[in-house]
């Protein structure tokens, strides 16, 4: 399968600009699947009460024990009409059937945390300058942009997004930008009692340890590339049942996922990336997304994608199992 994937990437690159892989991505099918009742012959777990939305550990334990996969929309699942990291985009993605979103946290000059990916404002908004160069009162007046137009949507505060996630039952991955301290994000999560709605993204062992020391109850998406790296984190006091292993976005590693799961840790992997170069582009280059089904079958628990609508439709059965665990 991997040889076919890389061959597809070469073909796409050789043909110039790749077609937009989101074309024709209707969301009705997955929305209907999410609302469908569980069949009488479904696994026993699916017919019993799921862990509550206010018990993320119980939901993670259930996912570890009973399987299924959670799809996470990168940057909130933007489309041609919905910009990255907008609260309106998160709501659209959620109602389309994808209940997990990765979002980026920036900081205004007066200390307000808000959603923005870049270090500067020009590409994503009608503003200019650095993301931490304006006061929040000025930032919230800016209009957000997609790749094709300026919208009527405005930057959202992290607090407003967390409030929505708690009430909607969404899971949000918080990717902290360099201007934002770990302590400030943890404080924001605590203020709105969103501890059971977030994964804290970290890229180094030191960052993972800092999040754990700030709040031992939070779940951490820790960058883990080997079982020995996990062992090192565990030896420093991080509990396995509060970790999700981020295993990169270049090459699936089912053997690593299996080894980590044996130690009690679920794995996440990203198919996201630049159009024409990402695994998202490669997997859909033939119109067949069966590679995502393979990832689920190989033990992956979380897939982060730029094509959340299409991937959610492809993984509807596996997502249904995760929904039985409260996701």
C-alpha atoms as a PDB file:
ATOM      1  CA  UNK A   1       0.000   0.000   0.000  1.00  0.00           C
ATOM      2  CA  UNK A   2       2.805   2.442   0.853  1.00  0.00           C
ATOM      3  CA  UNK A   3       4.386   2.012  -2.590  1.00  0.00           C
ATOM      4  CA  UNK A   4       1.080   2.874  -4.223  1.00  0.00           C
ATOM      5  CA  UNK A   5       0.711   5.943  -2.011  1.00  0.00           C
ATOM      6  CA  UNK A   6       4.131   7.337  -2.923  1.00  0.00           C
ATOM      7  CA  UNK A   7       3.559   6.540  -6.596  1.00  0.00           C
ATOM      8  CA  UNK A   8       0.341   8.526  -6.435  1.00  0.00           C
ATOM      9  CA  UNK A   9       2.185  11.467  -4.941  1.00  0.00           C
ATOM     10  CA  UNK A  10       4.684  11.423  -7.807  1.00  0.00           C
ATOM     11  CA  UNK A  11       1.902  11.343 -10.369  1.00  0.00           C
ATOM     12  CA  UNK A  12       0.163  14.300  -8.742  1.00  0.00           C
ATOM     13  CA  UNK A  13       3.374  16.296  -8.641  1.00  0.00           C
ATOM     14  CA  UNK A  14       4.168  15.536 -12.274  1.00  0.00           C
ATOM     15  CA  UNK A  15       0.780  16.774 -13.472  1.00  0.00           C
ATOM     16  CA  UNK A  16       1.066  20.271 -11.987  1.00  0.00           C
ATOM     17  CA  UNK A  17      -1.554  21.638  -9.620  1.00  0.00           C
ATOM     18  CA  UNK A  18      -3.638  18.870  -8.122  1.00  0.00           C
ATOM     19  CA  UNK A  19      -7.432  19.018  -8.345  1.00  0.00           C
ATOM     20  CA  UNK A  20      -9.136  20.194  -5.186  1.00  0.00           C
ATOM     21  CA  UNK A  21      -9.736  16.951  -3.234  1.00  0.00           C
ATOM     22  CA  UNK A  22     -12.634  18.519  -1.314  1.00  0.00           C
ATOM     23  CA  UNK A  23     -14.714  18.968  -4.461  1.00  0.00           C
ATOM     24  CA  UNK A  24     -18.197  17.515  -4.080  1.00  0.00           C
ATOM     25  CA  UNK A  25     -17.714  16.767  -0.400  1.00  0.00           C
ATOM     26  CA  UNK A  26     -21.333  16.634   0.721  1.00  0.00           C
ATOM     27  CA  UNK A  27     -21.788  16.257   4.457  1.00  0.00           C
ATOM     28  CA  UNK A  28     -25.274  14.767   4.474  1.00  0.00           C
ATOM     29  CA  UNK A  29     -24.187  11.135   4.483  1.00  0.00           C
ATOM     30  CA  UNK A  30     -22.058  11.277   7.604  1.00  0.00           C
ATOM     31  CA  UNK A  31     -24.597  13.477   9.411  1.00  0.00           C
ATOM     32  CA  UNK A  32     -27.190  10.805   8.772  1.00  0.00           C
ATOM     33  CA  UNK A  33     -24.843   8.041   9.853  1.00  0.00           C
ATOM     34  CA  UNK A  34     -24.133   9.832  13.119  1.00  0.00           C
ATOM     35  CA  UNK A  35     -27.836   9.984  13.859  1.00  0.00           C
ATOM     36  CA  UNK A  36     -28.573   6.383  12.935  1.00  0.00           C
ATOM     37  CA  UNK A  37     -29.566   3.991  15.762  1.00  0.00           C
ATOM     38  CA  UNK A  38     -27.223   1.203  16.803  1.00  0.00           C
ATOM     39  CA  UNK A  39     -28.144  -2.101  15.178  1.00  0.00           C
ATOM     40  CA  UNK A  40     -29.417  -4.903  17.459  1.00  0.00           C
ATOM     41  CA  UNK A  41     -26.436  -7.094  16.573  1.00  0.00           C
ATOM     42  CA  UNK A  42     -23.868  -4.361  17.246  1.00  0.00           C
ATOM     43  CA  UNK A  43     -21.058  -5.090  19.744  1.00  0.00           C
ATOM     44  CA  UNK A  44     -22.203  -5.149  23.357  1.00  0.00           C
ATOM     45  CA  UNK A  45     -20.369  -1.917  24.196  1.00  0.00           C
ATOM     46  CA  UNK A  46     -22.407  -0.044  21.581  1.00  0.00           C
ATOM     47  CA  UNK A  47     -25.656  -1.090  23.279  1.00  0.00           C
ATOM     48  CA  UNK A  48     -24.616  -0.006  26.762  1.00  0.00           C
ATOM     49  CA  UNK A  49     -24.405   3.472  28.197  1.00  0.00           C
ATOM     50  CA  UNK A  50     -21.401   5.381  26.893  1.00  0.00           C
ATOM     51  CA  UNK A  51     -19.080   7.235  29.249  1.00  0.00           C
ATOM     52  CA  UNK A  52     -20.365  10.732  29.828  1.00  0.00           C
ATOM     53  CA  UNK A  53     -19.021  13.752  27.951  1.00  0.00           C
ATOM     54  CA  UNK A  54     -17.663  14.992  31.282  1.00  0.00           C
ATOM     55  CA  UNK A  55     -15.424  11.938  31.681  1.00  0.00           C
ATOM     56  CA  UNK A  56     -12.666  12.077  29.056  1.00  0.00           C
ATOM     57  CA  UNK A  57     -10.646   9.390  30.816  1.00  0.00           C
ATOM     58  CA  UNK A  58     -13.598   7.012  30.682  1.00  0.00           C
ATOM     59  CA  UNK A  59     -14.090   7.763  27.003  1.00  0.00           C
ATOM     60  CA  UNK A  60     -10.399   7.165  26.277  1.00  0.00           C
ATOM     61  CA  UNK A  61     -10.427   3.909  28.239  1.00  0.00           C
ATOM     62  CA  UNK A  62     -13.477   2.795  26.272  1.00  0.00           C
ATOM     63  CA  UNK A  63     -11.821   3.672  22.957  1.00  0.00           C
ATOM     64  CA  UNK A  64      -8.696   1.763  23.982  1.00  0.00           C
ATOM     65  CA  UNK A  65     -10.685  -1.316  25.004  1.00  0.00           C
ATOM     66  CA  UNK A  66     -13.360  -1.409  22.316  1.00  0.00           C
ATOM     67  CA  UNK A  67     -11.797   0.176  19.239  1.00  0.00           C
ATOM     68  CA  UNK A  68     -13.022   2.773  16.794  1.00  0.00           C
ATOM     69  CA  UNK A  69     -11.381   5.911  15.445  1.00  0.00           C
ATOM     70  CA  UNK A  70     -11.848   9.635  16.066  1.00  0.00           C
ATOM     71  CA  UNK A  71     -11.468  11.982  13.079  1.00  0.00           C
ATOM     72  CA  UNK A  72      -9.971  15.386  13.890  1.00  0.00           C
ATOM     73  CA  UNK A  73     -10.375  18.295  11.484  1.00  0.00           C
ATOM     74  CA  UNK A  74      -7.085  20.168  11.086  1.00  0.00           C
ATOM     75  CA  UNK A  75      -7.472  23.903  11.845  1.00  0.00           C
ATOM     76  CA  UNK A  76     -11.125  23.273  12.594  1.00  0.00           C
ATOM     77  CA  UNK A  77     -12.041  21.749   9.218  1.00  0.00           C
ATOM     78  CA  UNK A  78     -12.084  24.832   6.944  1.00  0.00           C
ATOM     79  CA  UNK A  79     -13.707  24.834   3.499  1.00  0.00           C
ATOM     80  CA  UNK A  80     -13.892  27.255   0.583  1.00  0.00           C
ATOM     81  CA  UNK A  81     -16.497  29.270   2.497  1.00  0.00           C
ATOM     82  CA  UNK A  82     -15.403  28.669   6.090  1.00  0.00           C
ATOM     83  CA  UNK A  83     -11.962  29.938   7.182  1.00  0.00           C
ATOM     84  CA  UNK A  84      -9.461  28.097   9.382  1.00  0.00           C
ATOM     85  CA  UNK A  85      -9.884  28.425  13.145  1.00  0.00           C
ATOM     86  CA  UNK A  86     -13.219  30.240  12.994  1.00  0.00           C
ATOM     87  CA  UNK A  87     -15.824  29.249  15.567  1.00  0.00           C
ATOM     88  CA  UNK A  88     -18.348  29.087  12.727  1.00  0.00           C
ATOM     89  CA  UNK A  89     -16.066  26.586  10.940  1.00  0.00           C
ATOM     90  CA  UNK A  90     -15.857  24.389  14.020  1.00  0.00           C
ATOM     91  CA  UNK A  91     -19.633  24.374  14.321  1.00  0.00           C
ATOM     92  CA  UNK A  92     -20.012  23.467  10.640  1.00  0.00           C
ATOM     93  CA  UNK A  93     -17.474  20.650  10.977  1.00  0.00           C
ATOM     94  CA  UNK A  94     -19.177  19.322  14.104  1.00  0.00           C
ATOM     95  CA  UNK A  95     -22.644  19.287  12.532  1.00  0.00           C
ATOM     96  CA  UNK A  96     -21.191  17.565   9.454  1.00  0.00           C
ATOM     97  CA  UNK A  97     -20.241  14.651  11.711  1.00  0.00           C
ATOM     98  CA  UNK A  98     -16.610  15.279  12.700  1.00  0.00           C
ATOM     99  CA  UNK A  99     -16.562  15.855  16.445  1.00  0.00           C
ATOM    100  CA  UNK A 100     -12.812  16.458  16.903  1.00  0.00           C
ATOM    101  CA  UNK A 101     -10.949  19.605  15.810  1.00  0.00           C
ATOM    102  CA  UNK A 102      -7.362  20.777  16.016  1.00  0.00           C
ATOM    103  CA  UNK A 103      -7.090  24.540  16.620  1.00  0.00           C
ATOM    104  CA  UNK A 104      -4.253  27.015  16.992  1.00  0.00           C
ATOM    105  CA  UNK A 105      -3.928  29.374  19.956  1.00  0.00           C
ATOM    106  CA  UNK A 106      -2.362  32.836  19.616  1.00  0.00           C
ATOM    107  CA  UNK A 107      -2.111  35.784  22.017  1.00  0.00           C
ATOM    108  CA  UNK A 108      -3.060  39.435  21.620  1.00  0.00           C
ATOM    109  CA  UNK A 109      -0.811  42.238  22.855  1.00  0.00           C
ATOM    110  CA  UNK A 110      -3.016  42.628  25.935  1.00  0.00           C
ATOM    111  CA  UNK A 111      -2.952  38.944  26.785  1.00  0.00           C
ATOM    112  CA  UNK A 112      -6.211  37.611  25.309  1.00  0.00           C
ATOM    113  CA  UNK A 113      -5.936  34.114  23.837  1.00  0.00           C
ATOM    114  CA  UNK A 114      -7.599  33.639  20.474  1.00  0.00           C
ATOM    115  CA  UNK A 115      -7.565  31.325  17.464  1.00  0.00           C
ATOM    116  CA  UNK A 116      -5.014  31.989  14.702  1.00  0.00           C
ATOM    117  CA  UNK A 117      -2.539  29.726  12.910  1.00  0.00           C
ATOM    118  CA  UNK A 118       0.078  32.034  11.406  1.00  0.00           C
ATOM    119  CA  UNK A 119       2.479  34.292  13.290  1.00  0.00           C
ATOM    120  CA  UNK A 120       1.225  37.195  11.165  1.00  0.00           C
ATOM    121  CA  UNK A 121      -2.288  38.347  10.301  1.00  0.00           C
ATOM    122  CA  UNK A 122      -2.088  39.060   6.556  1.00  0.00           C
ATOM    123  CA  UNK A 123      -2.856  35.619   5.127  1.00  0.00           C
ATOM    124  CA  UNK A 124      -5.832  34.758   7.330  1.00  0.00           C
ATOM    125  CA  UNK A 125      -7.394  38.138   8.113  1.00  0.00           C
ATOM    126  CA  UNK A 126      -7.937  41.665   6.828  1.00  0.00           C
ATOM    127  CA  UNK A 127      -5.334  42.860   9.326  1.00  0.00           C
ATOM    128  CA  UNK A 128      -1.555  43.113   9.193  1.00  0.00           C
ATOM    129  CA  UNK A 129       1.379  42.689  11.534  1.00  0.00           C
ATOM    130  CA  UNK A 130       2.138  39.979  14.055  1.00  0.00           C
ATOM    131  CA  UNK A 131      -0.582  38.042  15.850  1.00  0.00           C
ATOM    132  CA  UNK A 132       0.565  39.474  19.179  1.00  0.00           C
ATOM    133  CA  UNK A 133       0.916  43.036  17.902  1.00  0.00           C
ATOM    134  CA  UNK A 134      -2.690  44.201  18.347  1.00  0.00           C
ATOM    135  CA  UNK A 135      -5.047  44.450  21.290  1.00  0.00           C
ATOM    136  CA  UNK A 136      -7.973  42.057  21.411  1.00  0.00           C
ATOM    137  CA  UNK A 137     -10.470  44.879  20.841  1.00  0.00           C
ATOM    138  CA  UNK A 138      -8.847  45.478  17.443  1.00  0.00           C
ATOM    139  CA  UNK A 139      -8.301  41.820  16.566  1.00  0.00           C
ATOM    140  CA  UNK A 140     -11.932  40.848  17.050  1.00  0.00           C
ATOM    141  CA  UNK A 141     -12.975  43.455  14.472  1.00  0.00           C
ATOM    142  CA  UNK A 142     -10.903  41.803  11.712  1.00  0.00           C
ATOM    143  CA  UNK A 143     -12.552  39.658   9.077  1.00  0.00           C
ATOM    144  CA  UNK A 144     -11.282  36.145   8.463  1.00  0.00           C
ATOM    145  CA  UNK A 145     -10.259  34.950   4.997  1.00  0.00           C
ATOM    146  CA  UNK A 146     -10.440  31.598   3.248  1.00  0.00           C
ATOM    147  CA  UNK A 147      -8.201  30.807   0.305  1.00  0.00           C
ATOM    148  CA  UNK A 148     -10.735  32.363  -2.033  1.00  0.00           C
ATOM    149  CA  UNK A 149     -12.571  35.183  -0.258  1.00  0.00           C
ATOM    150  CA  UNK A 150     -12.983  37.456   2.740  1.00  0.00           C
ATOM    151  CA  UNK A 151     -15.783  36.278   5.016  1.00  0.00           C
ATOM    152  CA  UNK A 152     -18.032  37.969   7.567  1.00  0.00           C
ATOM    153  CA  UNK A 153     -16.516  35.846  10.334  1.00  0.00           C
ATOM    154  CA  UNK A 154     -14.180  37.276  12.987  1.00  0.00           C
ATOM    155  CA  UNK A 155     -11.408  35.807  15.158  1.00  0.00           C
ATOM    156  CA  UNK A 156     -12.754  33.867  18.125  1.00  0.00           C
ATOM    157  CA  UNK A 157     -11.427  33.939  21.661  1.00  0.00           C
ATOM    158  CA  UNK A 158     -10.183  30.646  23.060  1.00  0.00           C
ATOM    159  CA  UNK A 159     -12.634  30.991  25.943  1.00  0.00           C
ATOM    160  CA  UNK A 160     -15.617  31.237  23.566  1.00  0.00           C
ATOM    161  CA  UNK A 161     -14.446  28.180  21.645  1.00  0.00           C
ATOM    162  CA  UNK A 162     -13.916  26.141  24.805  1.00  0.00           C
ATOM    163  CA  UNK A 163     -17.362  27.142  26.064  1.00  0.00           C
ATOM    164  CA  UNK A 164     -18.846  25.897  22.799  1.00  0.00           C
ATOM    165  CA  UNK A 165     -16.831  22.647  22.884  1.00  0.00           C
ATOM    166  CA  UNK A 166     -18.073  21.841  26.386  1.00  0.00           C
ATOM    167  CA  UNK A 167     -21.709  22.488  25.494  1.00  0.00           C
ATOM    168  CA  UNK A 168     -21.542  20.695  22.124  1.00  0.00           C
ATOM    169  CA  UNK A 169     -19.520  17.689  23.288  1.00  0.00           C
ATOM    170  CA  UNK A 170     -16.654  18.389  20.882  1.00  0.00           C
ATOM    171  CA  UNK A 171     -13.028  17.397  21.448  1.00  0.00           C
ATOM    172  CA  UNK A 172     -10.478  20.110  20.635  1.00  0.00           C
ATOM    173  CA  UNK A 173      -6.725  19.756  20.289  1.00  0.00           C
ATOM    174  CA  UNK A 174      -5.015  22.951  21.447  1.00  0.00           C
ATOM    175  CA  UNK A 175      -1.876  23.759  19.451  1.00  0.00           C
ATOM    176  CA  UNK A 176      -0.126  26.566  21.315  1.00  0.00           C
ATOM    177  CA  UNK A 177       1.836  29.134  19.314  1.00  0.00           C
ATOM    178  CA  UNK A 178       5.268  30.377  20.428  1.00  0.00           C
ATOM    179  CA  UNK A 179       3.893  33.593  21.937  1.00  0.00           C
ATOM    180  CA  UNK A 180       1.546  31.671  24.230  1.00  0.00           C
ATOM    181  CA  UNK A 181       2.613  30.134  27.529  1.00  0.00           C
ATOM    182  CA  UNK A 182       1.488  26.702  28.656  1.00  0.00           C
ATOM    183  CA  UNK A 183       0.271  28.199  31.934  1.00  0.00           C
ATOM    184  CA  UNK A 184      -2.027  30.668  30.166  1.00  0.00           C
ATOM    185  CA  UNK A 185      -3.682  27.933  28.102  1.00  0.00           C
ATOM    186  CA  UNK A 186      -4.129  25.704  31.147  1.00  0.00           C
ATOM    187  CA  UNK A 187      -5.664  28.640  33.031  1.00  0.00           C
ATOM    188  CA  UNK A 188      -8.115  29.242  30.166  1.00  0.00           C
ATOM    189  CA  UNK A 189      -9.136  25.580  30.147  1.00  0.00           C
ATOM    190  CA  UNK A 190      -9.717  25.619  33.899  1.00  0.00           C
ATOM    191  CA  UNK A 191     -11.715  28.868  33.822  1.00  0.00           C
ATOM    192  CA  UNK A 192     -14.428  27.354  31.654  1.00  0.00           C
ATOM    193  CA  UNK A 193     -14.100  23.829  33.130  1.00  0.00           C
ATOM    194  CA  UNK A 194     -13.088  22.365  29.760  1.00  0.00           C
ATOM    195  CA  UNK A 195     -10.662  19.766  31.102  1.00  0.00           C
ATOM    196  CA  UNK A 196     -12.727  16.926  29.620  1.00  0.00           C
ATOM    197  CA  UNK A 197     -12.931  18.567  26.196  1.00  0.00           C
ATOM    198  CA  UNK A 198      -9.274  19.158  25.307  1.00  0.00           C
ATOM    199  CA  UNK A 199      -6.023  17.531  24.272  1.00  0.00           C
ATOM    200  CA  UNK A 200      -2.963  19.686  24.918  1.00  0.00           C
ATOM    201  CA  UNK A 201      -0.569  19.440  21.956  1.00  0.00           C
ATOM    202  CA  UNK A 202       3.149  19.196  22.801  1.00  0.00           C
ATOM    203  CA  UNK A 203       6.206  18.686  20.599  1.00  0.00           C
ATOM    204  CA  UNK A 204       8.939  17.919  23.124  1.00  0.00           C
ATOM    205  CA  UNK A 205       9.251  15.852  26.272  1.00  0.00           C
ATOM    206  CA  UNK A 206       9.865  19.047  28.237  1.00  0.00           C
ATOM    207  CA  UNK A 207       6.599  20.565  26.993  1.00  0.00           C
ATOM    208  CA  UNK A 208       4.675  17.407  27.874  1.00  0.00           C
ATOM    209  CA  UNK A 209       6.156  17.432  31.360  1.00  0.00           C
ATOM    210  CA  UNK A 210       5.308  21.127  31.774  1.00  0.00           C
ATOM    211  CA  UNK A 211       1.655  20.519  30.888  1.00  0.00           C
ATOM    212  CA  UNK A 212       1.496  17.585  33.289  1.00  0.00           C
ATOM    213  CA  UNK A 213       2.978  19.642  36.129  1.00  0.00           C
ATOM    214  CA  UNK A 214       0.576  22.514  35.371  1.00  0.00           C
ATOM    215  CA  UNK A 215      -2.427  20.177  35.598  1.00  0.00           C
ATOM    216  CA  UNK A 216      -1.936  16.408  36.057  1.00  0.00           C
ATOM    217  CA  UNK A 217      -5.546  15.789  35.034  1.00  0.00           C
ATOM    218  CA  UNK A 218      -5.210  17.092  31.489  1.00  0.00           C
ATOM    219  CA  UNK A 219      -4.784  14.830  28.478  1.00  0.00           C
ATOM    220  CA  UNK A 220      -1.613  15.458  26.496  1.00  0.00           C
ATOM    221  CA  UNK A 221      -1.034  14.775  22.811  1.00  0.00           C
ATOM    222  CA  UNK A 222       2.689  14.102  23.159  1.00  0.00           C
ATOM    223  CA  UNK A 223       5.011  13.706  20.182  1.00  0.00           C
ATOM    224  CA  UNK A 224       6.242  10.117  20.493  1.00  0.00           C
ATOM    225  CA  UNK A 225       8.303   8.364  17.814  1.00  0.00           C
ATOM    226  CA  UNK A 226       9.315   5.201  19.679  1.00  0.00           C
ATOM    227  CA  UNK A 227       8.331   2.962  22.549  1.00  0.00           C
ATOM    228  CA  UNK A 228      11.547   3.944  24.335  1.00  0.00           C
ATOM    229  CA  UNK A 229      10.541   7.613  24.158  1.00  0.00           C
ATOM    230  CA  UNK A 230       7.246   6.724  25.807  1.00  0.00           C
ATOM    231  CA  UNK A 231       9.145   4.817  28.502  1.00  0.00           C
ATOM    232  CA  UNK A 232      11.201   7.932  29.157  1.00  0.00           C
ATOM    233  CA  UNK A 233       8.078  10.044  29.613  1.00  0.00           C
ATOM    234  CA  UNK A 234       6.559   7.451  31.923  1.00  0.00           C
ATOM    235  CA  UNK A 235       9.754   7.361  33.979  1.00  0.00           C
ATOM    236  CA  UNK A 236       9.390  11.124  34.481  1.00  0.00           C
ATOM    237  CA  UNK A 237       5.991  10.659  36.054  1.00  0.00           C
ATOM    238  CA  UNK A 238       3.608  11.159  33.142  1.00  0.00           C
ATOM    239  CA  UNK A 239       0.762   8.619  33.395  1.00  0.00           C
ATOM    240  CA  UNK A 240       0.042   6.469  30.349  1.00  0.00           C
ATOM    241  CA  UNK A 241      -3.695   6.918  30.785  1.00  0.00           C
ATOM    242  CA  UNK A 242      -3.358  10.689  30.245  1.00  0.00           C
ATOM    243  CA  UNK A 243      -1.313  10.470  27.043  1.00  0.00           C
ATOM    244  CA  UNK A 244      -2.140  10.275  23.343  1.00  0.00           C
ATOM    245  CA  UNK A 245       0.887   9.638  21.130  1.00  0.00           C
ATOM    246  CA  UNK A 246       1.252  11.980  18.160  1.00  0.00           C
ATOM    247  CA  UNK A 247       3.222   9.810  15.700  1.00  0.00           C
ATOM    248  CA  UNK A 248       3.733  12.307  12.878  1.00  0.00           C
ATOM    249  CA  UNK A 249       2.334  12.855   9.403  1.00  0.00           C
ATOM    250  CA  UNK A 250       4.850  11.197   7.106  1.00  0.00           C
ATOM    251  CA  UNK A 251       4.576   7.411   7.289  1.00  0.00           C
ATOM    252  CA  UNK A 252       2.061   5.225   9.144  1.00  0.00           C
ATOM    253  CA  UNK A 253       3.704   2.984  11.741  1.00  0.00           C
ATOM    254  CA  UNK A 254       1.265   0.246  12.844  1.00  0.00           C
ATOM    255  CA  UNK A 255       3.986  -1.594  14.758  1.00  0.00           C
ATOM    256  CA  UNK A 256       4.598   1.482  16.879  1.00  0.00           C
ATOM    257  CA  UNK A 257       0.854   1.956  17.419  1.00  0.00           C
ATOM    258  CA  UNK A 258       0.608  -1.649  18.589  1.00  0.00           C
ATOM    259  CA  UNK A 259       3.575  -1.282  20.948  1.00  0.00           C
ATOM    260  CA  UNK A 260       2.196   1.931  22.443  1.00  0.00           C
ATOM    261  CA  UNK A 261      -1.284   0.492  22.882  1.00  0.00           C
ATOM    262  CA  UNK A 262       0.262  -2.442  24.766  1.00  0.00           C
ATOM    263  CA  UNK A 263       1.564   0.166  27.223  1.00  0.00           C
ATOM    264  CA  UNK A 264      -1.878   1.777  27.496  1.00  0.00           C
ATOM    265  CA  UNK A 265      -1.370   4.686  25.076  1.00  0.00           C
ATOM    266  CA  UNK A 266      -3.542   5.423  22.030  1.00  0.00           C
ATOM    267  CA  UNK A 267      -1.938   6.817  18.874  1.00  0.00           C
ATOM    268  CA  UNK A 268      -2.717   9.738  16.565  1.00  0.00           C
ATOM    269  CA  UNK A 269      -1.413  10.234  13.026  1.00  0.00           C
ATOM    270  CA  UNK A 270      -1.826  13.040  10.499  1.00  0.00           C
ATOM    271  CA  UNK A 271      -2.665  12.711   6.815  1.00  0.00           C
ATOM    272  CA  UNK A 272      -2.739  16.508   6.527  1.00  0.00           C
ATOM    273  CA  UNK A 273      -0.366  18.722   4.578  1.00  0.00           C
ATOM    274  CA  UNK A 274       0.080  20.825   1.419  1.00  0.00           C
ATOM    275  CA  UNK A 275      -2.268  19.921  -1.404  1.00  0.00           C
ATOM    276  CA  UNK A 276      -0.640  17.468  -3.787  1.00  0.00           C
ATOM    277  CA  UNK A 277       2.034  16.452  -1.277  1.00  0.00           C
ATOM    278  CA  UNK A 278       0.044  15.140   1.690  1.00  0.00           C
ATOM    279  CA  UNK A 279      -1.241  11.657   2.365  1.00  0.00           C
ATOM    280  CA  UNK A 280      -4.746  13.146   2.130  1.00  0.00           C
ATOM    281  CA  UNK A 281      -4.018  13.996  -1.509  1.00  0.00           C
ATOM    282  CA  UNK A 282      -2.405  10.624  -2.178  1.00  0.00           C
ATOM    283  CA  UNK A 283      -5.135   8.562  -0.554  1.00  0.00           C
ATOM    284  CA  UNK A 284      -7.859  10.296  -2.564  1.00  0.00           C
ATOM    285  CA  UNK A 285      -5.941  10.522  -5.856  1.00  0.00           C
ATOM    286  CA  UNK A 286      -7.841   7.489  -7.183  1.00  0.00           C
ATOM    287  CA  UNK A 287     -11.167   8.490  -5.619  1.00  0.00           C
ATOM    288  CA  UNK A 288     -10.879   5.610  -3.131  1.00  0.00           C
ATOM    289  CA  UNK A 289     -10.192   6.401   0.523  1.00  0.00           C
ATOM    290  CA  UNK A 290      -9.754   2.798   1.656  1.00  0.00           C
ATOM    291  CA  UNK A 291      -6.327   3.675   3.070  1.00  0.00           C
ATOM    292  CA  UNK A 292      -8.067   5.398   5.989  1.00  0.00           C
ATOM    293  CA  UNK A 293      -9.970   2.193   6.702  1.00  0.00           C
ATOM    294  CA  UNK A 294      -6.600   0.418   6.713  1.00  0.00           C
ATOM    295  CA  UNK A 295      -5.266   2.893   9.285  1.00  0.00           C
ATOM    296  CA  UNK A 296      -8.210   2.160  11.577  1.00  0.00           C
ATOM    297  CA  UNK A 297      -7.783  -1.584  11.117  1.00  0.00           C
ATOM    298  CA  UNK A 298      -4.097  -1.249  12.001  1.00  0.00           C
ATOM    299  CA  UNK A 299      -4.938   0.230  15.399  1.00  0.00           C
ATOM    300  CA  UNK A 300      -4.893   3.988  14.872  1.00  0.00           C
ATOM    301  CA  UNK A 301      -7.225   5.802  17.292  1.00  0.00           C
ATOM    302  CA  UNK A 302      -7.042   9.423  16.012  1.00  0.00           C
ATOM    303  CA  UNK A 303      -6.510  10.664  12.464  1.00  0.00           C
ATOM    304  CA  UNK A 304      -5.903  14.380  11.864  1.00  0.00           C
ATOM    305  CA  UNK A 305      -6.916  15.408   8.358  1.00  0.00           C
ATOM    306  CA  UNK A 306      -7.496  18.412   6.119  1.00  0.00           C
ATOM    307  CA  UNK A 307     -10.445  16.558   4.534  1.00  0.00           C
ATOM    308  CA  UNK A 308     -12.612  15.866   7.554  1.00  0.00           C
ATOM    309  CA  UNK A 309     -15.911  15.564   5.638  1.00  0.00           C
ATOM    310  CA  UNK A 310     -14.622  12.969   3.193  1.00  0.00           C
ATOM    311  CA  UNK A 311     -12.627  11.034   5.790  1.00  0.00           C
ATOM    312  CA  UNK A 312     -15.605  10.949   8.164  1.00  0.00           C
ATOM    313  CA  UNK A 313     -17.763   9.457   5.440  1.00  0.00           C
ATOM    314  CA  UNK A 314     -15.101   6.874   4.676  1.00  0.00           C
ATOM    315  CA  UNK A 315     -14.745   5.938   8.353  1.00  0.00           C
ATOM    316  CA  UNK A 316     -18.417   6.104   9.308  1.00  0.00           C
ATOM    317  CA  UNK A 317     -18.535   2.537  10.765  1.00  0.00           C
ATOM    318  CA  UNK A 318     -15.346   3.022  12.784  1.00  0.00           C
ATOM    319  CA  UNK A 319     -16.500   6.432  13.971  1.00  0.00           C
ATOM    320  CA  UNK A 320     -19.796   4.891  15.041  1.00  0.00           C
ATOM    321  CA  UNK A 321     -17.862   2.612  17.374  1.00  0.00           C
ATOM    322  CA  UNK A 322     -16.013   5.626  18.795  1.00  0.00           C
ATOM    323  CA  UNK A 323     -19.358   7.386  19.247  1.00  0.00           C
ATOM    324  CA  UNK A 324     -20.476   4.482  21.415  1.00  0.00           C
ATOM    325  CA  UNK A 325     -17.614   5.531  23.713  1.00  0.00           C
ATOM    326  CA  UNK A 326     -18.908   9.100  23.868  1.00  0.00           C
ATOM    327  CA  UNK A 327     -16.865  10.715  21.070  1.00  0.00           C
END
